[in-house]
Amino acid sequence: RVRLIQAFLAAGLSTGTIAEMVPCMAEPSADGARRAVELLERERARVSAVMDGLAAARSALDDLIEDNRRY
């Protein structure tokens, strides 16, 4: 169980989301598995949105760097 929680943390899950996962781990079931997938998909979407924002920020920085190199 500790290794699973460590894997969740390494994947970027918040402790709140991990707490939501505990019932899914405590008593494995088809419903619990479906709930776990929903939570993990939600977290993946959140991480993807953060990555998109970071990519946009990097692009803006690249533009600023290029503009300043022209001087």
PDB file of N, CA and C in Angstrom:
ATOM      1  N   ARG A   1       0.829  -1.199   0.000  1.00  0.00           N
ATOM      2  CA  ARG A   1       0.000   0.000   0.000  1.00  0.00           C
ATOM      3  C   ARG A   1       0.870   1.258   0.000  1.00  0.00           C
ATOM      4  N   VAL A   2       1.959   1.239   0.742  1.00  0.00           N
ATOM      5  CA  VAL A   2       2.862   2.390   0.767  1.00  0.00           C
ATOM      6  C   VAL A   2       3.448   2.623  -0.614  1.00  0.00           C
ATOM      7  N   ARG A   3       3.828   1.556  -1.281  1.00  0.00           N
ATOM      8  CA  ARG A   3       4.391   1.703  -2.638  1.00  0.00           C
ATOM      9  C   ARG A   3       3.369   2.276  -3.609  1.00  0.00           C
ATOM     10  N   LEU A   4       2.129   1.885  -3.450  1.00  0.00           N
ATOM     11  CA  LEU A   4       1.078   2.423  -4.310  1.00  0.00           C
ATOM     12  C   LEU A   4       0.902   3.915  -4.066  1.00  0.00           C
ATOM     13  N   ILE A   5       0.896   4.318  -2.815  1.00  0.00           N
ATOM     14  CA  ILE A   5       0.773   5.743  -2.494  1.00  0.00           C
ATOM     15  C   ILE A   5       1.986   6.498  -3.029  1.00  0.00           C
ATOM     16  N   GLN A   6       3.173   5.909  -2.932  1.00  0.00           N
ATOM     17  CA  GLN A   6       4.365   6.539  -3.495  1.00  0.00           C
ATOM     18  C   GLN A   6       4.230   6.684  -5.010  1.00  0.00           C
ATOM     19  N   ALA A   7       3.643   5.689  -5.657  1.00  0.00           N
ATOM     20  CA  ALA A   7       3.418   5.766  -7.106  1.00  0.00           C
ATOM     21  C   ALA A   7       2.433   6.877  -7.436  1.00  0.00           C
ATOM     22  N   PHE A   8       1.387   7.016  -6.626  1.00  0.00           N
ATOM     23  CA  PHE A   8       0.430   8.103  -6.833  1.00  0.00           C
ATOM     24  C   PHE A   8       1.111   9.455  -6.697  1.00  0.00           C
ATOM     25  N   LEU A   9       1.941   9.609  -5.677  1.00  0.00           N
ATOM     26  CA  LEU A   9       2.656  10.874  -5.475  1.00  0.00           C
ATOM     27  C   LEU A   9       3.617  11.138  -6.630  1.00  0.00           C
ATOM     28  N   ALA A  10       4.312  10.107  -7.089  1.00  0.00           N
ATOM     29  CA  ALA A  10       5.231  10.267  -8.220  1.00  0.00           C
ATOM     30  C   ALA A  10       4.489  10.659  -9.493  1.00  0.00           C
ATOM     31  N   ALA A  11       3.225  10.238  -9.601  1.00  0.00           N
ATOM     32  CA  ALA A  11       2.410  10.577 -10.770  1.00  0.00           C
ATOM     33  C   ALA A  11       1.805  11.969 -10.657  1.00  0.00           C
ATOM     34  N   GLY A  12       2.054  12.642  -9.523  1.00  0.00           N
ATOM     35  CA  GLY A  12       1.576  14.001  -9.376  1.00  0.00           C
ATOM     36  C   GLY A  12       0.217  14.138  -8.717  1.00  0.00           C
ATOM     37  N   LEU A  13      -0.324  13.051  -8.181  1.00  0.00           N
ATOM     38  CA  LEU A  13      -1.623  13.139  -7.514  1.00  0.00           C
ATOM     39  C   LEU A  13      -1.478  13.894  -6.204  1.00  0.00           C
ATOM     40  N   SER A  14      -2.457  14.714  -5.909  1.00  0.00           N
ATOM     41  CA  SER A  14      -2.461  15.432  -4.640  1.00  0.00           C
ATOM     42  C   SER A  14      -2.846  14.461  -3.530  1.00  0.00           C
ATOM     43  N   THR A  15      -2.543  14.852  -2.307  1.00  0.00           N
ATOM     44  CA  THR A  15      -2.930  13.996  -1.188  1.00  0.00           C
ATOM     45  C   THR A  15      -4.453  13.893  -1.088  1.00  0.00           C
ATOM     46  N   GLY A  16      -5.157  14.936  -1.508  1.00  0.00           N
ATOM     47  CA  GLY A  16      -6.617  14.882  -1.526  1.00  0.00           C
ATOM     48  C   GLY A  16      -7.134  13.829  -2.483  1.00  0.00           C
ATOM     49  N   THR A  17      -6.546  13.783  -3.664  1.00  0.00           N
ATOM     50  CA  THR A  17      -6.957  12.767  -4.640  1.00  0.00           C
ATOM     51  C   THR A  17      -6.581  11.378  -4.152  1.00  0.00           C
ATOM     52  N   ILE A  18      -5.410  11.270  -3.537  1.00  0.00           N
ATOM     53  CA  ILE A  18      -5.007   9.978  -2.991  1.00  0.00           C
ATOM     54  C   ILE A  18      -6.013   9.538  -1.934  1.00  0.00           C
ATOM     55  N   ALA A  19      -6.466  10.477  -1.112  1.00  0.00           N
ATOM     56  CA  ALA A  19      -7.478  10.139  -0.105  1.00  0.00           C
ATOM     57  C   ALA A  19      -8.750   9.631  -0.764  1.00  0.00           C
ATOM     58  N   GLU A  20      -9.097  10.190  -1.916  1.00  0.00           N
ATOM     59  CA  GLU A  20     -10.281   9.710  -2.643  1.00  0.00           C
ATOM     60  C   GLU A  20     -10.059   8.296  -3.181  1.00  0.00           C
ATOM     61  N   MET A  21      -8.791   7.944  -3.417  1.00  0.00           N
ATOM     62  CA  MET A  21      -8.463   6.627  -3.948  1.00  0.00           C
ATOM     63  C   MET A  21      -8.488   5.545  -2.869  1.00  0.00           C
ATOM     64  N   VAL A  22      -8.342   5.929  -1.613  1.00  0.00           N
ATOM     65  CA  VAL A  22      -8.245   4.944  -0.521  1.00  0.00           C
ATOM     66  C   VAL A  22      -9.421   3.969  -0.509  1.00  0.00           C
ATOM     67  N   PRO A  23     -10.671   4.438  -0.622  1.00  0.00           N
ATOM     68  CA  PRO A  23     -11.771   3.461  -0.642  1.00  0.00           C
ATOM     69  C   PRO A  23     -11.668   2.479  -1.810  1.00  0.00           C
ATOM     70  N   CYS A  24     -11.129   2.924  -2.921  1.00  0.00           N
ATOM     71  CA  CYS A  24     -10.964   2.045  -4.080  1.00  0.00           C
ATOM     72  C   CYS A  24      -9.935   0.962  -3.783  1.00  0.00           C
ATOM     73  N   MET A  25      -8.934   1.298  -2.950  1.00  0.00           N
ATOM     74  CA  MET A  25      -7.873   0.351  -2.613  1.00  0.00           C
ATOM     75  C   MET A  25      -8.293  -0.557  -1.460  1.00  0.00           C
ATOM     76  N   ALA A  26      -9.085  -0.027  -0.529  1.00  0.00           N
ATOM     77  CA  ALA A  26      -9.423  -0.766   0.686  1.00  0.00           C
ATOM     78  C   ALA A  26     -10.244  -2.015   0.391  1.00  0.00           C
ATOM     79  N   GLU A  27     -11.216  -1.852  -0.488  1.00  0.00           N
ATOM     80  CA  GLU A  27     -12.082  -2.977  -0.850  1.00  0.00           C
ATOM     81  C   GLU A  27     -12.208  -3.026  -2.364  1.00  0.00           C
ATOM     82  N   PRO A  28     -11.279  -3.726  -3.026  1.00  0.00           N
ATOM     83  CA  PRO A  28     -11.322  -3.787  -4.486  1.00  0.00           C
ATOM     84  C   PRO A  28     -12.670  -4.317  -5.000  1.00  0.00           C
ATOM     85  N   SER A  29     -13.184  -3.624  -5.992  1.00  0.00           N
ATOM     86  CA  SER A  29     -14.445  -4.028  -6.617  1.00  0.00           C
ATOM     87  C   SER A  29     -14.510  -3.404  -7.999  1.00  0.00           C
ATOM     88  N   ALA A  30     -15.451  -3.852  -8.783  1.00  0.00           N
ATOM     89  CA  ALA A  30     -15.629  -3.284 -10.123  1.00  0.00           C
ATOM     90  C   ALA A  30     -15.996  -1.806 -10.019  1.00  0.00           C
ATOM     91  N   ASP A  31     -16.876  -1.460  -9.080  1.00  0.00           N
ATOM     92  CA  ASP A  31     -17.250  -0.054  -8.898  1.00  0.00           C
ATOM     93  C   ASP A  31     -16.051   0.769  -8.443  1.00  0.00           C
ATOM     94  N   GLY A  32     -15.271   0.215  -7.529  1.00  0.00           N
ATOM     95  CA  GLY A  32     -14.077   0.907  -7.061  1.00  0.00           C
ATOM     96  C   GLY A  32     -13.074   1.113  -8.178  1.00  0.00           C
ATOM     97  N   ALA A  33     -12.929   0.111  -9.018  1.00  0.00           N
ATOM     98  CA  ALA A  33     -12.008   0.225 -10.150  1.00  0.00           C
ATOM     99  C   ALA A  33     -12.482   1.305 -11.114  1.00  0.00           C
ATOM    100  N   ARG A  34     -13.786   1.352 -11.376  1.00  0.00           N
ATOM    101  CA  ARG A  34     -14.323   2.392 -12.258  1.00  0.00           C
ATOM    102  C   ARG A  34     -14.086   3.779 -11.650  1.00  0.00           C
ATOM    103  N   ARG A  35     -14.305   3.900 -10.348  1.00  0.00           N
ATOM    104  CA  ARG A  35     -14.077   5.185  -9.668  1.00  0.00           C
ATOM    105  C   ARG A  35     -12.602   5.569  -9.735  1.00  0.00           C
ATOM    106  N   ALA A  36     -11.721   4.600  -9.554  1.00  0.00           N
ATOM    107  CA  ALA A  36     -10.282   4.869  -9.633  1.00  0.00           C
ATOM    108  C   ALA A  36      -9.913   5.372 -11.027  1.00  0.00           C
ATOM    109  N   VAL A  37     -10.458   4.742 -12.049  1.00  0.00           N
ATOM    110  CA  VAL A  37     -10.180   5.181 -13.423  1.00  0.00           C
ATOM    111  C   VAL A  37     -10.669   6.606 -13.628  1.00  0.00           C
ATOM    112  N   GLU A  38     -11.860   6.924 -13.130  1.00  0.00           N
ATOM    113  CA  GLU A  38     -12.390   8.290 -13.246  1.00  0.00           C
ATOM    114  C   GLU A  38     -11.448   9.301 -12.579  1.00  0.00           C
ATOM    115  N   LEU A  39     -10.992   8.971 -11.386  1.00  0.00           N
ATOM    116  CA  LEU A  39     -10.093   9.880 -10.663  1.00  0.00           C
ATOM    117  C   LEU A  39      -8.772  10.040 -11.402  1.00  0.00           C
ATOM    118  N   LEU A  40      -8.227   8.933 -11.885  1.00  0.00           N
ATOM    119  CA  LEU A  40      -6.948   8.994 -12.595  1.00  0.00           C
ATOM    120  C   LEU A  40      -7.081   9.754 -13.911  1.00  0.00           C
ATOM    121  N   GLU A  41      -8.192   9.564 -14.607  1.00  0.00           N
ATOM    122  CA  GLU A  41      -8.413  10.314 -15.849  1.00  0.00           C
ATOM    123  C   GLU A  41      -8.557  11.806 -15.564  1.00  0.00           C
ATOM    124  N   ARG A  42      -9.226  12.144 -14.469  1.00  0.00           N
ATOM    125  CA  ARG A  42      -9.357  13.552 -14.077  1.00  0.00           C
ATOM    126  C   ARG A  42      -7.980  14.155 -13.801  1.00  0.00           C
ATOM    127  N   GLU A  43      -7.149  13.412 -13.108  1.00  0.00           N
ATOM    128  CA  GLU A  43      -5.805  13.899 -12.799  1.00  0.00           C
ATOM    129  C   GLU A  43      -4.956  14.024 -14.055  1.00  0.00           C
ATOM    130  N   ARG A  44      -5.101  13.079 -14.978  1.00  0.00           N
ATOM    131  CA  ARG A  44      -4.354  13.156 -16.236  1.00  0.00           C
ATOM    132  C   ARG A  44      -4.771  14.399 -17.014  1.00  0.00           C
ATOM    133  N   ALA A  45      -6.059  14.699 -17.036  1.00  0.00           N
ATOM    134  CA  ALA A  45      -6.542  15.896 -17.723  1.00  0.00           C
ATOM    135  C   ALA A  45      -5.979  17.153 -17.065  1.00  0.00           C
ATOM    136  N   ARG A  46      -5.921  17.159 -15.730  1.00  0.00           N
ATOM    137  CA  ARG A  46      -5.363  18.311 -15.012  1.00  0.00           C
ATOM    138  C   ARG A  46      -3.887  18.494 -15.348  1.00  0.00           C
ATOM    139  N   VAL A  47      -3.145  17.395 -15.346  1.00  0.00           N
ATOM    140  CA  VAL A  47      -1.720  17.466 -15.674  1.00  0.00           C
ATOM    141  C   VAL A  47      -1.530  17.928 -17.117  1.00  0.00           C
ATOM    142  N   SER A  48      -2.351  17.434 -18.023  1.00  0.00           N
ATOM    143  CA  SER A  48      -2.270  17.854 -19.422  1.00  0.00           C
ATOM    144  C   SER A  48      -2.533  19.343 -19.571  1.00  0.00           C
ATOM    145  N   ALA A  49      -3.506  19.856 -18.832  1.00  0.00           N
ATOM    146  CA  ALA A  49      -3.807  21.293 -18.893  1.00  0.00           C
ATOM    147  C   ALA A  49      -2.632  22.109 -18.371  1.00  0.00           C
ATOM    148  N   VAL A  50      -2.015  21.653 -17.308  1.00  0.00           N
ATOM    149  CA  VAL A  50      -0.836  22.346 -16.778  1.00  0.00           C
ATOM    150  C   VAL A  50       0.290  22.322 -17.810  1.00  0.00           C
ATOM    151  N   MET A  51       0.482  21.176 -18.438  1.00  0.00           N
ATOM    152  CA  MET A  51       1.526  21.059 -19.455  1.00  0.00           C
ATOM    153  C   MET A  51       1.254  21.990 -20.637  1.00  0.00           C
ATOM    154  N   ASP A  52       0.006  22.087 -21.051  1.00  0.00           N
ATOM    155  CA  ASP A  52      -0.354  23.001 -22.141  1.00  0.00           C
ATOM    156  C   ASP A  52      -0.031  24.438 -21.759  1.00  0.00           C
ATOM    157  N   GLY A  53      -0.343  24.800 -20.523  1.00  0.00           N
ATOM    158  CA  GLY A  53      -0.035  26.148 -20.049  1.00  0.00           C
ATOM    159  C   GLY A  53       1.460  26.402 -20.016  1.00  0.00           C
ATOM    160  N   LEU A  54       2.219  25.425 -19.584  1.00  0.00           N
ATOM    161  CA  LEU A  54       3.672  25.565 -19.552  1.00  0.00           C
ATOM    162  C   LEU A  54       4.246  25.665 -20.964  1.00  0.00           C
ATOM    163  N   ALA A  55       3.688  24.905 -21.891  1.00  0.00           N
ATOM    164  CA  ALA A  55       4.155  24.977 -23.279  1.00  0.00           C
ATOM    165  C   ALA A  55       3.877  26.362 -23.862  1.00  0.00           C
ATOM    166  N   ALA A  56       2.718  26.935 -23.542  1.00  0.00           N
ATOM    167  CA  ALA A  56       2.390  28.280 -24.022  1.00  0.00           C
ATOM    168  C   ALA A  56       3.339  29.305 -23.407  1.00  0.00           C
ATOM    169  N   ALA A  57       3.647  29.146 -22.120  1.00  0.00           N
ATOM    170  CA  ALA A  57       4.581  30.066 -21.461  1.00  0.00           C
ATOM    171  C   ALA A  57       5.969  29.940 -22.085  1.00  0.00           C
ATOM    172  N   ARG A  58       6.405  28.723 -22.369  1.00  0.00           N
ATOM    173  CA  ARG A  58       7.711  28.515 -22.994  1.00  0.00           C
ATOM    174  C   ARG A  58       7.750  29.170 -24.373  1.00  0.00           C
ATOM    175  N   SER A  59       6.669  29.031 -25.122  1.00  0.00           N
ATOM    176  CA  SER A  59       6.605  29.644 -26.448  1.00  0.00           C
ATOM    177  C   SER A  59       6.691  31.165 -26.348  1.00  0.00           C
ATOM    178  N   ALA A  60       5.988  31.738 -25.380  1.00  0.00           N
ATOM    179  CA  ALA A  60       6.038  33.191 -25.184  1.00  0.00           C
ATOM    180  C   ALA A  60       7.451  33.625 -24.799  1.00  0.00           C
ATOM    181  N   LEU A  61       8.096  32.838 -23.955  1.00  0.00           N
ATOM    182  CA  LEU A  61       9.483  33.154 -23.585  1.00  0.00           C
ATOM    183  C   LEU A  61      10.414  33.049 -24.783  1.00  0.00           C
ATOM    184  N   ASP A  62      10.207  32.033 -25.620  1.00  0.00           N
ATOM    185  CA  ASP A  62      11.013  31.909 -26.845  1.00  0.00           C
ATOM    186  C   ASP A  62      10.865  33.140 -27.722  1.00  0.00           C
ATOM    187  N   ASP A  63       9.638  33.631 -27.841  1.00  0.00           N
ATOM    188  CA  ASP A  63       9.396  34.838 -28.635  1.00  0.00           C
ATOM    189  C   ASP A  63      10.118  36.041 -28.035  1.00  0.00           C
ATOM    190  N   LEU A  64      10.047  36.189 -26.727  1.00  0.00           N
ATOM    191  CA  LEU A  64      10.728  37.302 -26.067  1.00  0.00           C
ATOM    192  C   LEU A  64      12.237  37.207 -26.225  1.00  0.00           C
ATOM    193  N   ILE A  65      12.762  36.002 -26.097  1.00  0.00           N
ATOM    194  CA  ILE A  65      14.205  35.798 -26.277  1.00  0.00           C
ATOM    195  C   ILE A  65      14.605  36.169 -27.696  1.00  0.00           C
ATOM    196  N   GLU A  66      13.841  35.715 -28.667  1.00  0.00           N
ATOM    197  CA  GLU A  66      14.153  36.015 -30.072  1.00  0.00           C
ATOM    198  C   GLU A  66      14.076  37.511 -30.335  1.00  0.00           C
ATOM    199  N   ASP A  67      13.053  38.170 -29.810  1.00  0.00           N
ATOM    200  CA  ASP A  67      12.925  39.616 -29.984  1.00  0.00           C
ATOM    201  C   ASP A  67      14.137  40.345 -29.408  1.00  0.00           C
ATOM    202  N   ASN A  68      14.600  39.892 -28.247  1.00  0.00           N
ATOM    203  CA  ASN A  68      15.734  40.556 -27.605  1.00  0.00           C
ATOM    204  C   ASN A  68      17.052  40.230 -28.282  1.00  0.00           C
ATOM    205  N   ARG A  69      17.160  39.107 -28.925  1.00  0.00           N
ATOM    206  CA  ARG A  69      18.388  38.764 -29.662  1.00  0.00           C
ATOM    207  C   ARG A  69      18.556  39.646 -30.900  1.00  0.00           C
ATOM    208  N   ARG A  70      17.474  40.188 -31.390  1.00  0.00           N
ATOM    209  CA  ARG A  70      17.544  41.026 -32.592  1.00  0.00           C
ATOM    210  C   ARG A  70      18.238  42.350 -32.321  1.00  0.00           C
ATOM    211  N   TYR A  71      18.353  42.753 -31.067  1.00  0.00           N
ATOM    212  CA  TYR A  71      18.985  44.032 -30.734  1.00  0.00           C
ATOM    213  C   TYR A  71      20.472  43.932 -30.675  1.00  0.00           C
TER     214      TYR A  71
END
